[in-house]
Amino acid sequence: QTTTAHPNGIGLWPDGGSDPNLVTVGARGQVLSTVAIQQTRYGTTTVNNAGIISGSQILSAADSDTVGIVNNTGTLLNAKTIKGTVFNDGNVLIGSQASIDSMRVTDDFNQRGAGALHVSTDFSGRRADMLTVDGAARLGGRVQIDAVTLMPNRELAFLQAGSLTPQASVGGASTLFDFNTHYTDRSAAVSVGAANFT
């Protein structure tokens, strides 16, 4: 486990390297920091995560044209920014559960059949998490709505992307309420659907 409590702390700091850097977080591993992983100078970093990574991930240097990659089968959360491309077969939380937050992915976001994107919503307050993807978003698997409050007839945007391919199912932690999604070629939104009390 790597943990930093400092608000400007960095959990892992790959610096340079003529070969791509590789960070592997096992199923029992955790990296917990404001910035979990930061690549500096030249080179890129590939992250294979089966554990928990909490914090932003900067996977290539500021002036680099190359793209780092996150392969996630564990849990990603509390990342304001992921500089790189994400392949999600685990859980991605925008911020943390039951809090309204935002996350930016600077390249592509690819969620496959086993992946889940957790979106916190406050329908009474007209607020929701927002995932911004500069490149292409391919949304398979599941969108998990973690509702703080519920209110009908209110549509809340939760994703903006350069392009969007939506194929995900949507649902909440409980089957008492259905949720409806509205997709455009660049955005996704959710609203409360029917109640299932019988």
C-alpha atoms as a PDB file:
ATOM      1  CA  GLN A   1       0.000   0.000   0.000  1.00  0.00           C
ATOM      2  CA  THR A   2       1.232   3.476  -0.921  1.00  0.00           C
ATOM      3  CA  THR A   3      -0.495   6.375   0.870  1.00  0.00           C
ATOM      4  CA  THR A   4       0.208  10.097   1.112  1.00  0.00           C
ATOM      5  CA  ALA A   5      -1.852  12.455   3.242  1.00  0.00           C
ATOM      6  CA  HIS A   6      -0.364  15.695   1.876  1.00  0.00           C
ATOM      7  CA  PRO A   7      -2.822  17.559  -0.430  1.00  0.00           C
ATOM      8  CA  ASN A   8      -0.060  17.873  -3.053  1.00  0.00           C
ATOM      9  CA  GLY A   9       1.264  14.379  -2.484  1.00  0.00           C
ATOM     10  CA  ILE A  10       2.229  11.923  -5.243  1.00  0.00           C
ATOM     11  CA  GLY A  11       1.912   8.204  -4.621  1.00  0.00           C
ATOM     12  CA  LEU A  12       4.206   6.844  -7.375  1.00  0.00           C
ATOM     13  CA  TRP A  13       6.514   9.007  -9.495  1.00  0.00           C
ATOM     14  CA  PRO A  14       8.045   7.372 -12.617  1.00  0.00           C
ATOM     15  CA  ASP A  15      10.652   9.751 -14.028  1.00  0.00           C
ATOM     16  CA  GLY A  16      11.892   9.375 -17.589  1.00  0.00           C
ATOM     17  CA  GLY A  17      12.892   6.022 -19.028  1.00  0.00           C
ATOM     18  CA  SER A  18      13.793   5.058 -22.584  1.00  0.00           C
ATOM     19  CA  ASP A  19      11.405   2.094 -22.282  1.00  0.00           C
ATOM     20  CA  PRO A  20       7.758   2.484 -21.270  1.00  0.00           C
ATOM     21  CA  ASN A  21       7.197   2.325 -17.523  1.00  0.00           C
ATOM     22  CA  LEU A  22       4.867  -0.303 -16.048  1.00  0.00           C
ATOM     23  CA  VAL A  23       2.973   0.008 -12.767  1.00  0.00           C
ATOM     24  CA  THR A  24       1.152  -3.100 -11.540  1.00  0.00           C
ATOM     25  CA  VAL A  25      -1.238  -2.917  -8.579  1.00  0.00           C
ATOM     26  CA  GLY A  26      -2.304  -6.365  -7.410  1.00  0.00           C
ATOM     27  CA  ALA A  27      -5.675  -7.379  -6.021  1.00  0.00           C
ATOM     28  CA  ARG A  28      -4.592  -6.491  -2.455  1.00  0.00           C
ATOM     29  CA  GLY A  29      -2.677  -3.375  -3.495  1.00  0.00           C
ATOM     30  CA  GLN A  30      -3.675   0.232  -2.924  1.00  0.00           C
ATOM     31  CA  VAL A  31      -2.292   3.560  -4.108  1.00  0.00           C
ATOM     32  CA  LEU A  32      -4.020   6.408  -2.258  1.00  0.00           C
ATOM     33  CA  SER A  33      -2.953  10.007  -2.948  1.00  0.00           C
ATOM     34  CA  THR A  34      -4.189  13.268  -4.455  1.00  0.00           C
ATOM     35  CA  VAL A  35      -2.042  12.340  -7.469  1.00  0.00           C
ATOM     36  CA  ALA A  36      -1.724   8.566  -7.395  1.00  0.00           C
ATOM     37  CA  ILE A  37       0.745   8.247 -10.312  1.00  0.00           C
ATOM     38  CA  GLN A  38       2.708  10.969 -12.106  1.00  0.00           C
ATOM     39  CA  GLN A  39       5.053  10.429 -15.054  1.00  0.00           C
ATOM     40  CA  THR A  40       7.622  13.192 -15.582  1.00  0.00           C
ATOM     41  CA  ARG A  41      10.275  13.986 -18.214  1.00  0.00           C
ATOM     42  CA  TYR A  42      10.008  11.734 -21.287  1.00  0.00           C
ATOM     43  CA  GLY A  43       8.361   8.328 -21.590  1.00  0.00           C
ATOM     44  CA  THR A  44       4.944   6.967 -20.737  1.00  0.00           C
ATOM     45  CA  THR A  45       3.463   4.724 -18.082  1.00  0.00           C
ATOM     46  CA  THR A  46       1.079   1.792 -18.427  1.00  0.00           C
ATOM     47  CA  VAL A  47      -0.933   0.937 -15.318  1.00  0.00           C
ATOM     48  CA  ASN A  48      -2.385  -2.527 -14.724  1.00  0.00           C
ATOM     49  CA  ASN A  49      -4.707  -2.206 -11.733  1.00  0.00           C
ATOM     50  CA  ALA A  50      -6.466  -5.070  -9.980  1.00  0.00           C
ATOM     51  CA  GLY A  51      -6.593  -3.295  -6.609  1.00  0.00           C
ATOM     52  CA  ILE A  52      -7.559   0.258  -5.641  1.00  0.00           C
ATOM     53  CA  ILE A  53      -6.102   3.448  -7.072  1.00  0.00           C
ATOM     54  CA  SER A  54      -7.424   6.661  -5.529  1.00  0.00           C
ATOM     55  CA  GLY A  55      -6.222   9.901  -7.117  1.00  0.00           C
ATOM     56  CA  SER A  56      -5.305  11.405 -10.469  1.00  0.00           C
ATOM     57  CA  GLN A  57      -3.023   9.616 -12.923  1.00  0.00           C
ATOM     58  CA  ILE A  58      -0.661  11.609 -15.160  1.00  0.00           C
ATOM     59  CA  LEU A  59       0.759   8.913 -17.443  1.00  0.00           C
ATOM     60  CA  SER A  60       2.941  10.951 -19.797  1.00  0.00           C
ATOM     61  CA  ALA A  61       5.082  14.060 -19.439  1.00  0.00           C
ATOM     62  CA  ALA A  62       3.599  17.507 -20.003  1.00  0.00           C
ATOM     63  CA  ASP A  63       5.097  17.964 -23.493  1.00  0.00           C
ATOM     64  CA  SER A  64       4.803  14.328 -24.605  1.00  0.00           C
ATOM     65  CA  ASP A  65       2.846  13.208 -27.667  1.00  0.00           C
ATOM     66  CA  THR A  66       2.658   9.628 -26.455  1.00  0.00           C
ATOM     67  CA  VAL A  67      -0.320   8.262 -24.524  1.00  0.00           C
ATOM     68  CA  GLY A  68      -0.260   6.278 -21.305  1.00  0.00           C
ATOM     69  CA  ILE A  69      -2.767   3.514 -20.627  1.00  0.00           C
ATOM     70  CA  VAL A  70      -4.786   2.334 -17.621  1.00  0.00           C
ATOM     71  CA  ASN A  71      -5.984  -1.277 -17.728  1.00  0.00           C
ATOM     72  CA  ASN A  72      -8.433  -1.500 -14.824  1.00  0.00           C
ATOM     73  CA  THR A  73      -9.964  -4.637 -13.374  1.00  0.00           C
ATOM     74  CA  GLY A  74     -10.045  -3.213  -9.847  1.00  0.00           C
ATOM     75  CA  THR A  75     -11.349   0.170  -8.652  1.00  0.00           C
ATOM     76  CA  LEU A  76     -10.422   3.693  -9.733  1.00  0.00           C
ATOM     77  CA  LEU A  77     -11.759   6.644  -7.740  1.00  0.00           C
ATOM     78  CA  ASN A  78     -11.069  10.238  -6.717  1.00  0.00           C
ATOM     79  CA  ALA A  79      -9.252  11.043  -9.961  1.00  0.00           C
ATOM     80  CA  LYS A  80      -9.709  14.612 -11.109  1.00  0.00           C
ATOM     81  CA  THR A  81      -7.639  13.811 -14.214  1.00  0.00           C
ATOM     82  CA  ILE A  82      -6.408  10.719 -15.983  1.00  0.00           C
ATOM     83  CA  LYS A  83      -3.908  11.780 -18.618  1.00  0.00           C
ATOM     84  CA  GLY A  84      -4.075   8.765 -20.881  1.00  0.00           C
ATOM     85  CA  THR A  85      -6.506   6.167 -22.203  1.00  0.00           C
ATOM     86  CA  VAL A  86      -8.635   4.018 -19.901  1.00  0.00           C
ATOM     87  CA  PHE A  87      -9.732   0.415 -20.500  1.00  0.00           C
ATOM     88  CA  ASN A  88     -12.238  -0.416 -17.762  1.00  0.00           C
ATOM     89  CA  ASP A  89     -13.212  -3.959 -16.834  1.00  0.00           C
ATOM     90  CA  GLY A  90     -13.688  -3.085 -13.163  1.00  0.00           C
ATOM     91  CA  ASN A  91     -15.217  -0.136 -11.315  1.00  0.00           C
ATOM     92  CA  VAL A  92     -14.682   3.549 -12.036  1.00  0.00           C
ATOM     93  CA  LEU A  93     -16.114   6.048  -9.561  1.00  0.00           C
ATOM     94  CA  ILE A  94     -16.261   9.715 -10.515  1.00  0.00           C
ATOM     95  CA  GLY A  95     -14.920  11.105  -7.263  1.00  0.00           C
ATOM     96  CA  SER A  96     -16.223   8.817  -4.524  1.00  0.00           C
ATOM     97  CA  GLN A  97     -19.554   7.166  -3.925  1.00  0.00           C
ATOM     98  CA  ALA A  98     -22.448   9.429  -2.896  1.00  0.00           C
ATOM     99  CA  SER A  99     -20.530  12.668  -3.537  1.00  0.00           C
ATOM    100  CA  ILE A 100     -20.920  14.853  -6.628  1.00  0.00           C
ATOM    101  CA  ASP A 101     -17.634  15.303  -8.465  1.00  0.00           C
ATOM    102  CA  SER A 102     -15.975  15.410 -11.896  1.00  0.00           C
ATOM    103  CA  MET A 103     -13.268  13.529 -13.770  1.00  0.00           C
ATOM    104  CA  ARG A 104     -11.451  14.214 -17.044  1.00  0.00           C
ATOM    105  CA  VAL A 105      -9.852  11.599 -19.294  1.00  0.00           C
ATOM    106  CA  THR A 106      -7.572  13.299 -21.822  1.00  0.00           C
ATOM    107  CA  ASP A 107      -7.696  10.530 -24.446  1.00  0.00           C
ATOM    108  CA  ASP A 108     -10.196   7.660 -24.803  1.00  0.00           C
ATOM    109  CA  PHE A 109     -12.427   5.908 -22.271  1.00  0.00           C
ATOM    110  CA  ASN A 110     -13.255   2.309 -23.134  1.00  0.00           C
ATOM    111  CA  GLN A 111     -15.614   0.424 -20.835  1.00  0.00           C
ATOM    112  CA  ARG A 112     -16.159  -3.207 -21.724  1.00  0.00           C
ATOM    113  CA  GLY A 113     -18.768  -5.763 -20.672  1.00  0.00           C
ATOM    114  CA  ALA A 114     -17.422  -6.411 -17.162  1.00  0.00           C
ATOM    115  CA  GLY A 115     -16.931  -2.706 -16.389  1.00  0.00           C
ATOM    116  CA  ALA A 116     -19.108  -0.387 -14.319  1.00  0.00           C
ATOM    117  CA  LEU A 117     -19.129   3.420 -14.280  1.00  0.00           C
ATOM    118  CA  HIS A 118     -20.527   4.707 -10.977  1.00  0.00           C
ATOM    119  CA  VAL A 119     -22.395   8.012 -11.254  1.00  0.00           C
ATOM    120  CA  SER A 120     -23.595   9.862  -8.149  1.00  0.00           C
ATOM    121  CA  THR A 121     -26.762  11.899  -8.669  1.00  0.00           C
ATOM    122  CA  ASP A 122     -28.754  14.439  -6.688  1.00  0.00           C
ATOM    123  CA  PHE A 123     -31.996  14.805  -8.629  1.00  0.00           C
ATOM    124  CA  SER A 124     -33.542  17.187  -6.087  1.00  0.00           C
ATOM    125  CA  GLY A 125     -30.522  19.480  -6.310  1.00  0.00           C
ATOM    126  CA  ARG A 126     -30.201  18.975 -10.097  1.00  0.00           C
ATOM    127  CA  ARG A 127     -26.578  17.816  -9.759  1.00  0.00           C
ATOM    128  CA  ALA A 128     -24.675  14.798 -11.023  1.00  0.00           C
ATOM    129  CA  ASP A 129     -21.140  13.567 -11.457  1.00  0.00           C
ATOM    130  CA  MET A 130     -19.560  14.545 -14.775  1.00  0.00           C
ATOM    131  CA  LEU A 131     -17.094  12.465 -16.785  1.00  0.00           C
ATOM    132  CA  THR A 132     -15.399  14.469 -19.551  1.00  0.00           C
ATOM    133  CA  VAL A 133     -13.558  12.495 -22.230  1.00  0.00           C
ATOM    134  CA  ASP A 134     -11.463  14.510 -24.685  1.00  0.00           C
ATOM    135  CA  GLY A 135     -11.392  11.612 -27.160  1.00  0.00           C
ATOM    136  CA  ALA A 136     -13.813   8.756 -27.810  1.00  0.00           C
ATOM    137  CA  ALA A 137     -16.001   7.210 -25.124  1.00  0.00           C
ATOM    138  CA  ARG A 138     -17.100   3.611 -25.702  1.00  0.00           C
ATOM    139  CA  LEU A 139     -19.558   2.829 -22.938  1.00  0.00           C
ATOM    140  CA  GLY A 140     -20.323  -0.862 -22.531  1.00  0.00           C
ATOM    141  CA  GLY A 141     -20.972  -2.802 -19.333  1.00  0.00           C
ATOM    142  CA  ARG A 142     -23.077  -0.965 -16.770  1.00  0.00           C
ATOM    143  CA  VAL A 143     -23.752   2.575 -15.605  1.00  0.00           C
ATOM    144  CA  GLN A 144     -24.442   2.321 -11.870  1.00  0.00           C
ATOM    145  CA  ILE A 145     -26.560   5.228 -10.584  1.00  0.00           C
ATOM    146  CA  ASP A 146     -25.750   6.004  -6.946  1.00  0.00           C
ATOM    147  CA  ALA A 147     -28.663   8.312  -6.186  1.00  0.00           C
ATOM    148  CA  VAL A 148     -28.416  10.656  -3.194  1.00  0.00           C
ATOM    149  CA  THR A 149     -31.946  11.961  -3.868  1.00  0.00           C
ATOM    150  CA  LEU A 150     -34.666  11.039  -6.368  1.00  0.00           C
ATOM    151  CA  MET A 151     -37.028  13.306  -8.288  1.00  0.00           C
ATOM    152  CA  PRO A 152     -38.987  12.530 -11.485  1.00  0.00           C
ATOM    153  CA  ASN A 153     -38.886  14.574 -14.681  1.00  0.00           C
ATOM    154  CA  ARG A 154     -35.340  15.823 -14.184  1.00  0.00           C
ATOM    155  CA  GLU A 155     -32.615  14.861 -16.643  1.00  0.00           C
ATOM    156  CA  LEU A 156     -29.017  15.155 -15.480  1.00  0.00           C
ATOM    157  CA  ALA A 157     -26.016  15.032 -17.814  1.00  0.00           C
ATOM    158  CA  PHE A 158     -23.160  12.797 -16.620  1.00  0.00           C
ATOM    159  CA  LEU A 159     -20.860  12.365 -19.636  1.00  0.00           C
ATOM    160  CA  GLN A 160     -19.407  14.596 -22.360  1.00  0.00           C
ATOM    161  CA  ALA A 161     -17.038  13.191 -24.993  1.00  0.00           C
ATOM    162  CA  GLY A 162     -15.490  13.907 -28.368  1.00  0.00           C
ATOM    163  CA  SER A 163     -17.607  10.986 -29.595  1.00  0.00           C
ATOM    164  CA  LEU A 164     -19.799   8.481 -27.784  1.00  0.00           C
ATOM    165  CA  THR A 165     -20.732   4.869 -28.499  1.00  0.00           C
ATOM    166  CA  PRO A 166     -23.293   3.848 -25.841  1.00  0.00           C
ATOM    167  CA  GLN A 167     -24.041   0.182 -25.175  1.00  0.00           C
ATOM    168  CA  ALA A 168     -24.241   0.079 -21.380  1.00  0.00           C
ATOM    169  CA  SER A 169     -27.149  -1.008 -19.240  1.00  0.00           C
ATOM    170  CA  VAL A 170     -28.215   1.387 -16.490  1.00  0.00           C
ATOM    171  CA  GLY A 171     -29.522   0.768 -12.993  1.00  0.00           C
ATOM    172  CA  GLY A 172     -29.337   1.682  -9.347  1.00  0.00           C
ATOM    173  CA  ALA A 173     -28.267  -0.111  -6.219  1.00  0.00           C
ATOM    174  CA  SER A 174     -31.914  -1.072  -5.687  1.00  0.00           C
ATOM    175  CA  THR A 175     -34.482  -2.404  -8.165  1.00  0.00           C
ATOM    176  CA  LEU A 176     -37.206  -0.186  -6.649  1.00  0.00           C
ATOM    177  CA  PHE A 177     -36.606   2.512  -9.274  1.00  0.00           C
ATOM    178  CA  ASP A 178     -35.765   2.335 -12.949  1.00  0.00           C
ATOM    179  CA  PHE A 179     -33.520   4.878 -14.642  1.00  0.00           C
ATOM    180  CA  ASN A 180     -33.696   6.139 -18.212  1.00  0.00           C
ATOM    181  CA  THR A 181     -30.713   7.262 -20.257  1.00  0.00           C
ATOM    182  CA  HIS A 182     -30.643   9.810 -23.062  1.00  0.00           C
ATOM    183  CA  TYR A 183     -27.704   9.653 -25.443  1.00  0.00           C
ATOM    184  CA  THR A 184     -26.464  11.938 -28.188  1.00  0.00           C
ATOM    185  CA  ASP A 185     -23.362  11.375 -30.285  1.00  0.00           C
ATOM    186  CA  ARG A 186     -21.328  13.273 -27.646  1.00  0.00           C
ATOM    187  CA  SER A 187     -23.233  13.180 -24.360  1.00  0.00           C
ATOM    188  CA  ALA A 188     -25.164  11.034 -21.910  1.00  0.00           C
ATOM    189  CA  ALA A 189     -27.834  11.956 -19.371  1.00  0.00           C
ATOM    190  CA  VAL A 190     -30.025  10.073 -16.905  1.00  0.00           C
ATOM    191  CA  SER A 191     -33.473  10.533 -15.379  1.00  0.00           C
ATOM    192  CA  VAL A 192     -35.583   8.625 -12.865  1.00  0.00           C
ATOM    193  CA  GLY A 193     -37.972   6.167 -14.471  1.00  0.00           C
ATOM    194  CA  ALA A 194     -40.789   4.061 -13.084  1.00  0.00           C
ATOM    195  CA  ALA A 195     -41.109   2.941  -9.459  1.00  0.00           C
ATOM    196  CA  ASN A 196     -41.425  -0.809  -8.833  1.00  0.00           C
ATOM    197  CA  PHE A 197     -43.210  -1.192  -5.500  1.00  0.00           C
ATOM    198  CA  THR A 198     -45.230  -4.290  -6.375  1.00  0.00           C
END
